[in-house]
């Protein structure tokens, strides 16, 4: 990712299913620290987890 030829790069796992626009992800990654978003394992407490570095 550090050698990406683009100003902004989004890494998606190979098994990721994109079901809509990801344009908002590009607008969110405007800082040098970046942003990471992950889905917790599926269970009754599953939720979206945002981790800002």
PDB file of N, CA and C in Angstrom:
ATOM      1  N   UNK A   1       0.821  -1.182   0.000  1.00  0.00           N
ATOM      2  CA  UNK A   1       0.000   0.000   0.000  1.00  0.00           C
ATOM      3  C   UNK A   1       0.869   1.251   0.000  1.00  0.00           C
ATOM      4  N   UNK A   2       2.027   1.183   0.603  1.00  0.00           N
ATOM      5  CA  UNK A   2       2.892   2.357   0.644  1.00  0.00           C
ATOM      6  C   UNK A   2       3.401   2.736  -0.741  1.00  0.00           C
ATOM      7  N   UNK A   3       3.458   1.769  -1.652  1.00  0.00           N
ATOM      8  CA  UNK A   3       3.945   2.040  -3.003  1.00  0.00           C
ATOM      9  C   UNK A   3       2.816   2.199  -4.011  1.00  0.00           C
ATOM     10  N   UNK A   4       1.617   2.392  -3.541  1.00  0.00           N
ATOM     11  CA  UNK A   4       0.483   2.599  -4.442  1.00  0.00           C
ATOM     12  C   UNK A   4       0.734   3.847  -5.288  1.00  0.00           C
ATOM     13  N   UNK A   5       0.478   3.781  -6.588  1.00  0.00           N
ATOM     14  CA  UNK A   5       0.715   4.944  -7.445  1.00  0.00           C
ATOM     15  C   UNK A   5      -0.385   6.003  -7.344  1.00  0.00           C
ATOM     16  N   UNK A   6      -1.345   5.796  -6.460  1.00  0.00           N
ATOM     17  CA  UNK A   6      -2.488   6.708  -6.348  1.00  0.00           C
ATOM     18  C   UNK A   6      -2.417   7.523  -5.061  1.00  0.00           C
ATOM     19  N   UNK A   7      -3.094   8.662  -5.044  1.00  0.00           N
ATOM     20  CA  UNK A   7      -3.119   9.498  -3.842  1.00  0.00           C
ATOM     21  C   UNK A   7      -3.857   8.815  -2.702  1.00  0.00           C
ATOM     22  N   UNK A   8      -4.915   8.102  -3.019  1.00  0.00           N
ATOM     23  CA  UNK A   8      -5.699   7.376  -2.013  1.00  0.00           C
ATOM     24  C   UNK A   8      -5.912   5.950  -2.506  1.00  0.00           C
ATOM     25  N   UNK A   9      -5.732   4.994  -1.613  1.00  0.00           N
ATOM     26  CA  UNK A   9      -5.891   3.587  -1.961  1.00  0.00           C
ATOM     27  C   UNK A   9      -6.754   2.920  -0.903  1.00  0.00           C
ATOM     28  N   UNK A  10      -7.686   2.113  -1.337  1.00  0.00           N
ATOM     29  CA  UNK A  10      -8.538   1.356  -0.414  1.00  0.00           C
ATOM     30  C   UNK A  10      -8.241  -0.124  -0.610  1.00  0.00           C
ATOM     31  N   UNK A  11      -7.912  -0.800   0.484  1.00  0.00           N
ATOM     32  CA  UNK A  11      -7.636  -2.233   0.445  1.00  0.00           C
ATOM     33  C   UNK A  11      -8.916  -2.972   0.805  1.00  0.00           C
ATOM     34  N   UNK A  12      -9.380  -3.836  -0.078  1.00  0.00           N
ATOM     35  CA  UNK A  12     -10.545  -4.680   0.179  1.00  0.00           C
ATOM     36  C   UNK A  12     -10.092  -6.129   0.134  1.00  0.00           C
ATOM     37  N   UNK A  13     -10.476  -6.917   1.123  1.00  0.00           N
ATOM     38  CA  UNK A  13     -10.153  -8.344   1.100  1.00  0.00           C
ATOM     39  C   UNK A  13     -10.738  -8.989  -0.144  1.00  0.00           C
ATOM     40  N   UNK A  14     -10.107 -10.065  -0.582  1.00  0.00           N
ATOM     41  CA  UNK A  14     -10.535 -10.746  -1.801  1.00  0.00           C
ATOM     42  C   UNK A  14     -11.956 -11.302  -1.670  1.00  0.00           C
ATOM     43  N   UNK A  15     -12.399 -11.606  -0.449  1.00  0.00           N
ATOM     44  CA  UNK A  15     -13.742 -12.150  -0.256  1.00  0.00           C
ATOM     45  C   UNK A  15     -14.773 -11.074   0.096  1.00  0.00           C
ATOM     46  N   UNK A  16     -14.397  -9.823  -0.029  1.00  0.00           N
ATOM     47  CA  UNK A  16     -15.300  -8.704   0.273  1.00  0.00           C
ATOM     48  C   UNK A  16     -16.333  -8.553  -0.845  1.00  0.00           C
ATOM     49  N   UNK A  17     -17.578  -8.377  -0.470  1.00  0.00           N
ATOM     50  CA  UNK A  17     -18.652  -8.137  -1.437  1.00  0.00           C
ATOM     51  C   UNK A  17     -19.063  -6.676  -1.361  1.00  0.00           C
ATOM     52  N   UNK A  18     -18.819  -5.936  -2.435  1.00  0.00           N
ATOM     53  CA  UNK A  18     -19.211  -4.529  -2.494  1.00  0.00           C
ATOM     54  C   UNK A  18     -20.629  -4.485  -3.047  1.00  0.00           C
ATOM     55  N   UNK A  19     -21.547  -3.984  -2.247  1.00  0.00           N
ATOM     56  CA  UNK A  19     -22.965  -3.973  -2.627  1.00  0.00           C
ATOM     57  C   UNK A  19     -23.504  -2.576  -2.863  1.00  0.00           C
ATOM     58  N   UNK A  20     -22.628  -1.624  -2.982  1.00  0.00           N
ATOM     59  CA  UNK A  20     -23.038  -0.242  -3.216  1.00  0.00           C
ATOM     60  C   UNK A  20     -21.814   0.610  -3.478  1.00  0.00           C
ATOM     61  N   UNK A  21     -22.034   1.876  -3.544  1.00  0.00           N
ATOM     62  CA  UNK A  21     -20.953   2.823  -3.808  1.00  0.00           C
ATOM     63  C   UNK A  21     -19.967   2.866  -2.641  1.00  0.00           C
ATOM     64  N   UNK A  22     -18.686   2.932  -2.962  1.00  0.00           N
ATOM     65  CA  UNK A  22     -17.657   3.092  -1.932  1.00  0.00           C
ATOM     66  C   UNK A  22     -17.019   4.483  -2.015  1.00  0.00           C
ATOM     67  N   UNK A  23     -17.658   5.385  -2.722  1.00  0.00           N
ATOM     68  CA  UNK A  23     -17.134   6.749  -2.876  1.00  0.00           C
ATOM     69  C   UNK A  23     -16.886   7.426  -1.534  1.00  0.00           C
ATOM     70  N   UNK A  24     -17.757   7.211  -0.554  1.00  0.00           N
ATOM     71  CA  UNK A  24     -17.595   7.841   0.760  1.00  0.00           C
ATOM     72  C   UNK A  24     -16.308   7.400   1.452  1.00  0.00           C
ATOM     73  N   UNK A  25     -15.835   6.194   1.164  1.00  0.00           N
ATOM     74  CA  UNK A  25     -14.583   5.742   1.767  1.00  0.00           C
ATOM     75  C   UNK A  25     -13.419   6.623   1.334  1.00  0.00           C
ATOM     76  N   UNK A  26     -13.436   7.061   0.088  1.00  0.00           N
ATOM     77  CA  UNK A  26     -12.360   7.918  -0.404  1.00  0.00           C
ATOM     78  C   UNK A  26     -12.386   9.288   0.254  1.00  0.00           C
ATOM     79  N   UNK A  27     -13.569   9.804   0.548  1.00  0.00           N
ATOM     80  CA  UNK A  27     -13.650  11.114   1.200  1.00  0.00           C
ATOM     81  C   UNK A  27     -13.271  11.023   2.675  1.00  0.00           C
ATOM     82  N   UNK A  28     -13.393   9.847   3.273  1.00  0.00           N
ATOM     83  CA  UNK A  28     -13.050   9.672   4.690  1.00  0.00           C
ATOM     84  C   UNK A  28     -11.550   9.500   4.910  1.00  0.00           C
ATOM     85  N   UNK A  29     -10.820   9.074   3.895  1.00  0.00           N
ATOM     86  CA  UNK A  29      -9.383   8.808   4.083  1.00  0.00           C
ATOM     87  C   UNK A  29      -8.539   9.981   3.581  1.00  0.00           C
ATOM     88  N   UNK A  30      -8.826  11.161   4.090  1.00  0.00           N
ATOM     89  CA  UNK A  30      -8.111  12.361   3.656  1.00  0.00           C
ATOM     90  C   UNK A  30      -6.982  12.752   4.608  1.00  0.00           C
ATOM     91  N   UNK A  31      -6.812  12.042   5.720  1.00  0.00           N
ATOM     92  CA  UNK A  31      -5.734  12.389   6.648  1.00  0.00           C
ATOM     93  C   UNK A  31      -4.564  11.425   6.486  1.00  0.00           C
ATOM     94  N   UNK A  32      -3.402  11.824   6.952  1.00  0.00           N
ATOM     95  CA  UNK A  32      -2.190  11.013   6.817  1.00  0.00           C
ATOM     96  C   UNK A  32      -2.250   9.718   7.623  1.00  0.00           C
ATOM     97  N   UNK A  33      -2.961   9.734   8.739  1.00  0.00           N
ATOM     98  CA  UNK A  33      -3.023   8.557   9.605  1.00  0.00           C
ATOM     99  C   UNK A  33      -3.840   7.438   8.982  1.00  0.00           C
ATOM    100  N   UNK A  34      -4.816   7.784   8.153  1.00  0.00           N
ATOM    101  CA  UNK A  34      -5.657   6.783   7.528  1.00  0.00           C
ATOM    102  C   UNK A  34      -6.821   6.375   8.407  1.00  0.00           C
ATOM    103  N   UNK A  35      -7.525   5.363   7.977  1.00  0.00           N
ATOM    104  CA  UNK A  35      -8.687   4.864   8.703  1.00  0.00           C
ATOM    105  C   UNK A  35      -8.814   3.369   8.421  1.00  0.00           C
ATOM    106  N   UNK A  36      -9.250   2.620   9.405  1.00  0.00           N
ATOM    107  CA  UNK A  36      -9.500   1.193   9.239  1.00  0.00           C
ATOM    108  C   UNK A  36     -10.916   0.898   9.700  1.00  0.00           C
ATOM    109  N   UNK A  37     -11.634   0.100   8.937  1.00  0.00           N
ATOM    110  CA  UNK A  37     -12.998  -0.297   9.285  1.00  0.00           C
ATOM    111  C   UNK A  37     -13.076  -1.813   9.161  1.00  0.00           C
ATOM    112  N   UNK A  38     -13.645  -2.455  10.167  1.00  0.00           N
ATOM    113  CA  UNK A  38     -13.758  -3.908  10.152  1.00  0.00           C
ATOM    114  C   UNK A  38     -15.116  -4.323  10.690  1.00  0.00           C
ATOM    115  N   UNK A  39     -15.575  -5.477  10.275  1.00  0.00           N
ATOM    116  CA  UNK A  39     -16.812  -6.060  10.790  1.00  0.00           C
ATOM    117  C   UNK A  39     -16.430  -7.116  11.828  1.00  0.00           C
ATOM    118  N   UNK A  40     -17.064  -7.057  12.977  1.00  0.00           N
ATOM    119  CA  UNK A  40     -16.827  -8.050  14.021  1.00  0.00           C
ATOM    120  C   UNK A  40     -17.359  -9.407  13.544  1.00  0.00           C
ATOM    121  N   UNK A  41     -16.840 -10.504  14.094  1.00  0.00           N
ATOM    122  CA  UNK A  41     -17.365 -11.827  13.739  1.00  0.00           C
ATOM    123  C   UNK A  41     -18.876 -11.876  13.953  1.00  0.00           C
ATOM    124  N   UNK A  42     -19.560 -12.625  13.102  1.00  0.00           N
ATOM    125  CA  UNK A  42     -21.022 -12.678  13.190  1.00  0.00           C
ATOM    126  C   UNK A  42     -21.478 -13.384  14.460  1.00  0.00           C
ATOM    127  N   UNK A  43     -22.144 -12.644  15.298  1.00  0.00           N
ATOM    128  CA  UNK A  43     -22.792 -13.178  16.486  1.00  0.00           C
ATOM    129  C   UNK A  43     -23.838 -12.161  16.918  1.00  0.00           C
ATOM    130  N   UNK A  44     -24.496 -12.391  18.025  1.00  0.00           N
ATOM    131  CA  UNK A  44     -25.569 -11.484  18.450  1.00  0.00           C
ATOM    132  C   UNK A  44     -25.058 -10.094  18.806  1.00  0.00           C
ATOM    133  N   UNK A  45     -23.754  -9.964  19.103  1.00  0.00           N
ATOM    134  CA  UNK A  45     -23.178  -8.666  19.444  1.00  0.00           C
ATOM    135  C   UNK A  45     -22.430  -8.033  18.273  1.00  0.00           C
ATOM    136  N   UNK A  46     -22.570  -8.608  17.073  1.00  0.00           N
ATOM    137  CA  UNK A  46     -21.839  -8.111  15.911  1.00  0.00           C
ATOM    138  C   UNK A  46     -22.182  -6.656  15.625  1.00  0.00           C
ATOM    139  N   UNK A  47     -21.155  -5.861  15.383  1.00  0.00           N
ATOM    140  CA  UNK A  47     -21.358  -4.447  15.087  1.00  0.00           C
ATOM    141  C   UNK A  47     -20.201  -3.932  14.244  1.00  0.00           C
ATOM    142  N   UNK A  48     -20.394  -2.787  13.648  1.00  0.00           N
ATOM    143  CA  UNK A  48     -19.337  -2.154  12.877  1.00  0.00           C
ATOM    144  C   UNK A  48     -18.340  -1.511  13.828  1.00  0.00           C
ATOM    145  N   UNK A  49     -17.083  -1.784  13.616  1.00  0.00           N
ATOM    146  CA  UNK A  49     -16.030  -1.256  14.473  1.00  0.00           C
ATOM    147  C   UNK A  49     -15.195  -0.278  13.654  1.00  0.00           C
ATOM    148  N   UNK A  50     -15.053   0.948  14.127  1.00  0.00           N
ATOM    149  CA  UNK A  50     -14.214   1.949  13.481  1.00  0.00           C
ATOM    150  C   UNK A  50     -12.952   2.129  14.306  1.00  0.00           C
ATOM    151  N   UNK A  51     -11.828   1.997  13.675  1.00  0.00           N
ATOM    152  CA  UNK A  51     -10.552   2.179  14.355  1.00  0.00           C
ATOM    153  C   UNK A  51      -9.782   3.262  13.610  1.00  0.00           C
ATOM    154  N   UNK A  52      -9.529   4.366  14.285  1.00  0.00           N
ATOM    155  CA  UNK A  52      -8.759   5.455  13.696  1.00  0.00           C
ATOM    156  C   UNK A  52      -7.342   5.380  14.230  1.00  0.00           C
ATOM    157  N   UNK A  53      -6.370   5.375  13.347  1.00  0.00           N
ATOM    158  CA  UNK A  53      -4.968   5.302  13.758  1.00  0.00           C
ATOM    159  C   UNK A  53      -4.402   6.686  13.910  1.00  0.00           C
TER     160      UNK A  53
END
